[in-house]
Protein backbone atom coordinates (compact mmCIF):
# COMPACT_ATOMS: atom_id res chain seq x y z
CA MET A 1 15.47 -56.72 72.55
CA LYS A 2 12.83 -57.81 70.14
CA LYS A 3 10.56 -55.00 71.37
CA VAL A 4 13.32 -52.43 70.85
CA ARG A 5 13.94 -53.65 67.29
CA THR A 6 10.22 -53.48 66.49
CA HIS A 7 10.00 -49.97 67.90
CA LEU A 8 12.98 -48.78 65.80
CA LEU A 9 11.47 -50.23 62.60
CA ALA A 10 8.13 -48.55 63.29
CA THR A 11 9.85 -45.21 63.93
CA ALA A 12 11.83 -45.47 60.66
CA ALA A 13 8.67 -46.31 58.69
CA VAL A 14 6.82 -43.30 60.12
CA ALA A 15 9.79 -41.01 59.33
CA ALA A 16 9.99 -42.27 55.76
CA LEU A 17 6.28 -41.78 55.20
CA SER A 18 6.43 -38.28 56.71
CA GLY A 19 9.43 -37.35 54.48
CA SER A 20 7.63 -38.56 51.37
CA ALA A 21 4.53 -36.56 52.23
CA PHE A 22 6.65 -33.47 52.92
CA ALA A 23 8.50 -33.84 49.59
CA ALA A 24 5.20 -34.25 47.77
CA ASP A 25 3.90 -31.09 49.42
CA MET A 26 7.05 -29.13 48.53
CA ALA A 27 7.28 -30.24 44.87
CA PRO A 28 4.51 -27.97 43.49
CA ALA A 29 5.94 -25.00 45.37
CA LEU A 30 9.39 -25.51 43.84
CA LYS A 31 8.04 -25.65 40.25
CA ALA A 32 8.28 -22.38 38.20
CA PRO A 33 4.90 -20.86 37.34
CA PRO A 34 3.91 -21.05 33.64
CA PRO A 35 4.61 -17.87 31.59
CA ALA A 36 1.73 -15.45 31.35
CA PRO A 37 0.07 -15.39 27.90
CA ILE A 38 0.72 -12.38 25.68
CA PRO A 39 -2.32 -10.10 26.05
CA TYR A 40 -4.36 -9.08 23.03
CA THR A 41 -7.55 -7.14 22.43
CA GLY A 42 -10.50 -7.92 20.24
CA TRP A 43 -10.30 -6.65 16.66
CA GLN A 44 -13.16 -8.54 15.06
CA GLY A 45 -15.93 -6.44 13.54
CA PHE A 46 -16.86 -3.70 11.10
CA TYR A 47 -15.12 -0.30 11.00
CA LEU A 48 -15.23 3.06 9.17
CA GLY A 49 -12.43 5.59 8.96
CA GLY A 50 -10.62 8.39 7.21
CA ALA A 51 -7.01 9.34 6.47
CA ILE A 52 -4.77 12.11 5.18
CA GLY A 53 -1.30 11.71 3.74
CA ALA A 54 1.22 12.40 1.02
CA ALA A 55 2.03 10.60 -2.21
CA ARG A 56 4.75 10.53 -4.85
CA LEU A 57 3.81 9.96 -8.52
CA ASN A 58 6.39 8.74 -11.04
CA THR A 59 5.27 8.70 -14.69
CA THR A 60 6.96 7.93 -18.00
CA ALA A 61 5.71 8.43 -21.54
CA ASN A 62 7.36 6.71 -24.52
CA THR A 63 6.00 7.91 -27.86
CA THR A 64 6.92 6.21 -31.12
CA VAL A 65 6.29 8.14 -34.34
CA SER A 66 6.86 7.38 -37.99
CA ASP A 67 6.69 10.86 -39.48
CA PRO A 68 10.03 11.80 -41.08
CA LEU A 69 9.34 15.52 -40.64
CA PHE A 70 9.94 15.35 -36.87
CA SER A 71 13.42 16.48 -35.88
CA GLU A 72 15.54 16.00 -32.81
CA GLY A 73 14.67 18.23 -29.85
CA GLU A 74 10.95 18.62 -30.45
CA ALA A 75 9.93 16.66 -27.34
CA PRO A 76 10.11 18.17 -23.85
CA CYS A 77 12.42 15.42 -22.57
CA GLY A 78 14.44 14.74 -25.68
CA PHE A 79 13.75 13.19 -29.03
CA ALA A 80 15.86 10.95 -31.21
CA LEU A 81 15.41 8.34 -33.92
CA ASP A 82 11.67 8.97 -34.20
CA ALA A 83 11.01 8.14 -30.53
CA MET A 84 10.17 10.49 -27.65
CA SER A 85 10.79 9.47 -24.06
CA CYS A 86 9.78 11.57 -21.05
CA SER A 87 9.78 10.98 -17.31
CA THR A 88 8.45 13.19 -14.56
CA GLY A 89 7.60 12.99 -10.91
CA THR A 90 5.59 15.04 -8.45
CA THR A 91 4.55 14.97 -4.80
CA GLY A 92 1.11 15.89 -3.50
CA VAL A 93 -1.39 15.48 -0.69
CA THR A 94 -4.10 12.83 -0.32
CA ALA A 95 -7.31 12.54 1.66
CA GLY A 96 -9.75 9.66 1.76
CA VAL A 97 -12.21 7.36 3.50
CA GLN A 98 -12.26 3.61 4.11
CA ALA A 99 -14.44 0.78 5.36
CA GLY A 100 -13.54 -2.76 6.33
CA TYR A 101 -14.22 -5.88 8.37
CA ASP A 102 -11.80 -7.94 10.46
CA TRP A 103 -11.92 -11.51 11.76
CA GLN A 104 -9.73 -12.77 14.60
CA SER A 105 -8.27 -16.07 15.79
CA ARG A 106 -6.39 -15.35 19.02
CA TYR A 107 -3.40 -13.22 17.91
CA PHE A 108 -4.02 -13.60 14.17
CA VAL A 109 -6.22 -10.91 12.57
CA TYR A 110 -7.34 -10.98 8.95
CA GLY A 111 -9.91 -9.01 6.98
CA VAL A 112 -10.91 -6.94 3.95
CA VAL A 113 -10.85 -3.19 3.39
CA ALA A 114 -11.93 -0.80 0.61
CA ASP A 115 -10.91 2.85 0.32
CA TRP A 116 -11.26 5.90 -1.92
CA THR A 117 -8.64 8.67 -1.97
CA TRP A 118 -8.56 12.11 -3.58
CA THR A 119 -5.17 13.38 -4.78
CA ASN A 120 -3.78 16.58 -6.27
CA LEU A 121 -0.98 14.76 -8.09
CA LYS A 122 -0.32 16.73 -11.29
CA HIS A 123 2.79 17.88 -13.13
CA SER A 124 3.60 18.97 -16.68
CA ILE A 125 6.73 19.62 -18.74
CA SER A 126 6.70 21.95 -21.75
CA ARG A 127 9.34 22.80 -24.28
CA SER A 128 9.42 25.23 -27.18
CA GLN A 129 11.95 24.97 -29.97
CA PHE A 130 12.00 26.69 -33.33
CA SER A 131 8.35 26.79 -34.44
CA SER A 132 6.98 23.98 -32.26
CA ASN A 133 5.71 23.31 -28.74
CA SER A 134 5.62 19.96 -26.98
CA THR A 135 4.04 19.11 -23.61
CA PHE A 136 3.97 16.09 -21.32
CA GLN A 137 1.44 16.04 -18.46
CA ALA A 138 1.00 13.46 -15.68
CA LYS A 139 -2.13 13.62 -13.52
CA VAL A 140 -4.03 11.37 -11.07
CA ASP A 141 -7.42 12.59 -9.83
CA TRP A 142 -8.26 9.78 -7.39
CA LEU A 143 -7.30 6.31 -6.18
CA ALA A 144 -9.39 3.40 -4.93
CA THR A 145 -8.37 0.01 -3.54
CA PHE A 146 -10.01 -3.30 -2.64
CA ARG A 147 -7.57 -5.14 -0.40
CA GLY A 148 -7.09 -8.01 1.96
CA ARG A 149 -5.02 -7.59 5.09
CA MET A 150 -3.60 -9.85 7.79
CA GLY A 151 -1.38 -9.41 10.80
CA LEU A 152 -0.60 -10.09 14.45
CA ALA A 153 -2.20 -8.39 17.44
CA VAL A 154 -0.10 -7.78 20.55
CA ASP A 155 -1.94 -6.07 23.38
CA ASP A 156 -3.62 -3.02 21.77
CA THR A 157 -1.45 -2.91 18.62
CA LEU A 158 -1.94 -4.65 15.29
CA VAL A 159 0.89 -4.98 12.74
CA TYR A 160 -0.26 -6.09 9.29
CA ILE A 161 0.49 -6.47 5.59
CA THR A 162 -2.04 -5.66 2.87
CA GLY A 163 -2.53 -5.95 -0.90
CA GLY A 164 -5.05 -6.23 -3.69
CA LEU A 165 -6.71 -4.41 -6.60
CA ALA A 166 -6.12 -0.70 -7.29
CA LEU A 167 -8.08 1.70 -9.50
CA ALA A 168 -7.14 5.24 -10.54
CA GLN A 169 -8.46 8.08 -12.69
CA LEU A 170 -5.43 8.78 -14.90
CA LYS A 171 -5.26 11.91 -17.05
CA SER A 172 -1.80 11.89 -18.60
CA SER A 173 -1.04 13.17 -22.08
CA THR A 174 1.61 14.16 -24.63
CA SER A 175 1.13 16.74 -27.37
CA PHE A 176 3.06 18.37 -30.20
CA THR A 177 1.93 21.52 -32.02
CA PHE A 178 3.34 24.09 -34.41
CA THR A 179 3.31 27.63 -33.09
CA GLY A 180 2.53 29.17 -36.45
CA GLY A 181 1.11 28.25 -39.80
CA SER A 182 -0.86 25.10 -40.45
CA CYS A 183 -1.07 22.25 -37.98
CA ASP A 184 -0.61 19.40 -40.40
CA PHE A 185 1.61 17.43 -38.05
CA CYS A 186 0.07 18.20 -34.67
CA THR A 187 -0.46 15.25 -32.34
CA ASN A 188 -2.22 14.76 -29.02
CA ASN A 189 -2.12 11.39 -27.26
CA ALA A 190 -4.20 11.58 -24.09
CA LEU A 191 -4.98 8.96 -21.48
CA ASN A 192 -8.22 9.82 -19.65
CA ASN A 193 -9.57 6.60 -18.18
CA VAL A 194 -10.15 4.69 -14.99
CA GLU A 195 -7.30 2.17 -15.06
CA ALA A 196 -6.67 -0.95 -12.96
CA GLY A 197 -3.44 -2.04 -11.30
CA TRP A 198 -2.26 -3.57 -8.05
CA VAL A 199 -1.35 -2.25 -4.61
CA ALA A 200 0.65 -3.66 -1.68
CA GLY A 201 1.92 -2.32 1.60
CA LEU A 202 2.10 -2.57 5.37
CA GLY A 203 0.64 -0.79 8.36
CA VAL A 204 0.31 -0.45 12.12
CA GLU A 205 -2.96 0.17 13.97
CA HIS A 206 -3.36 0.97 17.68
CA LYS A 207 -6.59 0.87 19.69
CA LEU A 208 -7.21 3.88 21.92
CA ASN A 209 -10.29 2.32 23.48
CA GLN A 210 -13.01 -0.16 22.58
CA ASN A 211 -14.25 1.87 19.59
CA TRP A 212 -11.49 4.20 18.37
CA SER A 213 -8.15 3.34 16.80
CA VAL A 214 -5.42 5.20 14.91
CA PHE A 215 -3.32 3.78 12.09
CA SER A 216 -0.34 4.48 9.88
CA GLU A 217 -0.01 2.86 6.46
CA PHE A 218 2.44 2.80 3.53
CA LEU A 219 1.19 1.68 0.10
CA TYR A 220 2.80 1.12 -3.30
CA TYR A 221 0.64 1.31 -6.45
CA ASP A 222 1.61 0.04 -9.91
CA PHE A 223 -0.67 0.60 -12.92
CA GLY A 224 1.52 -1.09 -15.50
CA THR A 225 1.76 0.15 -19.10
CA LYS A 226 -1.19 1.85 -20.78
CA THR A 227 -0.95 2.50 -24.54
CA VAL A 228 -2.72 5.32 -26.41
CA THR A 229 -2.74 5.43 -30.22
CA GLY A 230 -3.08 8.81 -31.91
CA SER A 231 -2.80 10.36 -35.35
CA ASN A 232 -1.75 13.66 -36.86
CA SER A 233 -4.12 16.20 -38.40
CA PHE A 234 -3.88 14.30 -41.70
CA GLY A 235 -5.37 11.28 -39.94
CA THR A 236 -2.17 9.26 -40.36
CA PRO A 237 -1.95 6.61 -37.61
CA GLY A 238 1.20 5.43 -35.91
CA TYR A 239 1.60 7.83 -32.98
CA ASN A 240 1.68 5.43 -30.03
CA THR A 241 2.39 6.56 -26.48
CA GLU A 242 3.04 4.08 -23.65
CA PHE A 243 2.34 5.56 -20.20
CA THR A 244 3.52 4.04 -16.93
CA HIS A 245 2.40 5.22 -13.48
CA GLU A 246 3.67 4.23 -10.03
CA ILE A 247 2.67 5.85 -6.74
CA PHE A 248 4.16 5.72 -3.24
CA GLN A 249 1.71 6.78 -0.52
CA GLY A 250 2.04 7.26 3.22
CA LYS A 251 -0.99 8.13 5.35
CA LEU A 252 -2.25 8.58 8.89
CA GLY A 253 -5.83 7.91 9.85
CA VAL A 254 -8.44 7.05 12.41
CA ASN A 255 -11.05 4.23 12.51
CA TYR A 256 -14.28 3.85 14.43
CA ARG A 257 -15.07 0.22 15.27
CA PHE A 258 -18.63 -0.95 15.80
């Protein structure tokens, strides 16, 4: 009887040990595999590119005068209480080049970019009334930006935001002339300078292969208020024009990455 009891205990011990080993072997198989990491490509490095697009220019001109001989209606956009106020907008095409450098930390991409863009943004308003002509012109010859950018890379696509310094060649003006006789009260306030402002926007870039990528970008430019002081033909000061310029630009382009 004692031998039978010993045999049963030995059998139970072996079964328990075998079950534990089997459970240990099965445990890893029953565990869910870890999720695969989101793939991303390498964006770090220097790149050159070009882009074409379209832009919308909105410009206002507020001229304050102190000459009592001005009368209502002598400005192209209306005139009252010795103050002229005009607004105009125009849409044009853009074309430019850019260069930049990106750094990368896993999915996070950050860098700097500089670009130069030609535009044909130009529009003028003229009005003739009685013996006078008045004109308001808004014009932007080119744009340039120096920006930072940062975004997230998922597989071959980078989504980013961008912003920084903007420069523009602005050539906006207001003028008032008599159509006949002397020009004692003619004025011409012209802005013809490279002006600074700010730019911000967002974009998407997609890599076609190791070297080539395409991108789409939307930018907003604001050049604040620029004041020009003029005088009439008598040399009397006090003809101040405040110009404001804002630009909305959308563009498509291609980059070559080294």
